[in-house]
Protein backbone atom coordinates (compact mmCIF):
# COMPACT_ATOMS: atom_id res chain seq x y z
CA MET A 1 -82.81 57.72 9.95
CA ALA A 2 -83.16 58.23 6.34
CA GLN A 3 -80.98 59.94 3.75
CA LEU A 4 -81.95 61.53 0.38
CA ARG A 5 -79.91 63.04 -2.20
CA VAL A 6 -81.32 66.05 -3.99
CA LYS A 7 -80.61 68.95 -6.09
CA LEU A 8 -82.37 72.05 -5.04
CA VAL A 9 -82.80 75.05 -7.58
CA TYR A 10 -83.53 78.44 -6.37
CA LEU A 11 -84.84 81.29 -8.36
CA ASP A 12 -85.19 85.20 -7.77
CA ASP A 13 -85.49 86.18 -4.23
CA LEU A 14 -85.02 82.68 -2.85
CA VAL A 15 -81.38 82.99 -3.24
CA LYS A 16 -81.12 85.52 -0.77
CA ARG A 17 -83.30 83.46 1.77
CA PRO A 18 -81.66 81.16 4.28
CA VAL A 19 -83.55 78.24 3.10
CA ILE A 20 -81.21 75.48 4.30
CA PHE A 21 -81.14 77.10 7.88
CA GLU A 22 -85.04 77.15 7.84
CA LEU A 23 -85.01 73.53 6.66
CA ALA A 24 -82.85 72.41 9.43
CA LYS A 25 -84.59 74.36 12.17
CA GLY A 26 -88.13 73.68 10.88
CA PHE A 27 -87.96 70.01 10.24
CA ASP A 28 -84.98 68.65 12.17
CA VAL A 29 -83.08 67.70 8.96
CA SER A 30 -79.57 68.06 8.35
CA ALA A 31 -78.00 68.97 5.10
CA ASN A 32 -74.50 68.08 3.74
CA ILE A 33 -73.91 70.31 0.73
CA ARG A 34 -71.82 68.56 -1.72
CA ARG A 35 -71.84 71.19 -4.54
CA ALA A 36 -73.34 74.53 -5.16
CA SER A 37 -73.45 77.36 -7.52
CA VAL A 38 -75.09 80.74 -6.87
CA GLU A 39 -75.45 83.67 -9.41
CA ASP A 40 -77.77 86.76 -9.34
CA GLY A 41 -81.13 85.61 -9.37
CA ARG A 42 -80.34 81.86 -9.56
CA GLY A 43 -78.55 79.13 -7.47
CA TRP A 44 -78.51 75.51 -7.01
CA ILE A 45 -77.39 72.98 -4.44
CA VAL A 46 -76.69 69.35 -4.47
CA CYS A 47 -76.94 67.89 -0.98
CA GLU A 48 -77.50 64.99 1.12
CA LEU A 49 -80.49 65.47 3.64
CA ASP A 50 -80.55 63.18 6.76
CA GLY A 51 -83.58 62.82 9.13
CA ASP A 52 -86.72 60.94 9.85
CA ALA A 53 -88.35 59.66 6.65
CA THR A 54 -91.49 61.57 7.57
CA GLN A 55 -89.69 64.71 8.30
CA LEU A 56 -87.76 64.51 5.11
CA GLU A 57 -90.86 64.20 2.97
CA SER A 58 -92.54 67.01 4.86
CA ALA A 59 -89.27 69.24 4.35
CA LEU A 60 -89.39 68.36 0.51
CA ASN A 61 -93.01 69.32 0.22
CA TRP A 62 -92.28 72.62 2.07
CA LEU A 63 -89.47 73.33 -0.38
CA THR A 64 -91.70 72.87 -3.34
CA GLU A 65 -94.21 75.13 -1.84
CA ILE A 66 -91.89 77.99 -1.16
CA GLY A 67 -90.85 77.69 -4.91
CA VAL A 68 -87.57 75.63 -4.67
CA VAL A 69 -87.35 73.11 -7.55
CA VAL A 70 -86.57 69.79 -5.96
CA GLU A 71 -84.90 66.99 -8.01
CA ARG A 72 -84.41 63.62 -6.29
CA LEU A 73 -80.90 62.15 -7.23
CA GLN A 74 -79.58 58.58 -7.16
CA ASP A 75 -75.96 59.42 -6.89
CA VAL A 76 -74.04 62.58 -6.25
CA VAL A 77 -71.54 63.04 -9.22
CA GLU A 78 -68.50 65.14 -7.96
CA SER A 79 -66.10 66.60 -10.21
């Protein structure tokens, strides 16, 4: 098992799409949401993704393909 910390930025219609559900179901990846903010037409999530390393990379590629901006993080800062 591998773990990645990422910030996912959603724009436009992606805010209304169940992206985390699709990610978990399609790639067998679990997401632990640490922080999030959603507004009209924009949202972001900081989360820890757990799963097989190959599946995690495939999941990140898929997120990018559908228009989610993916930022890999070293540490999750909580405040």
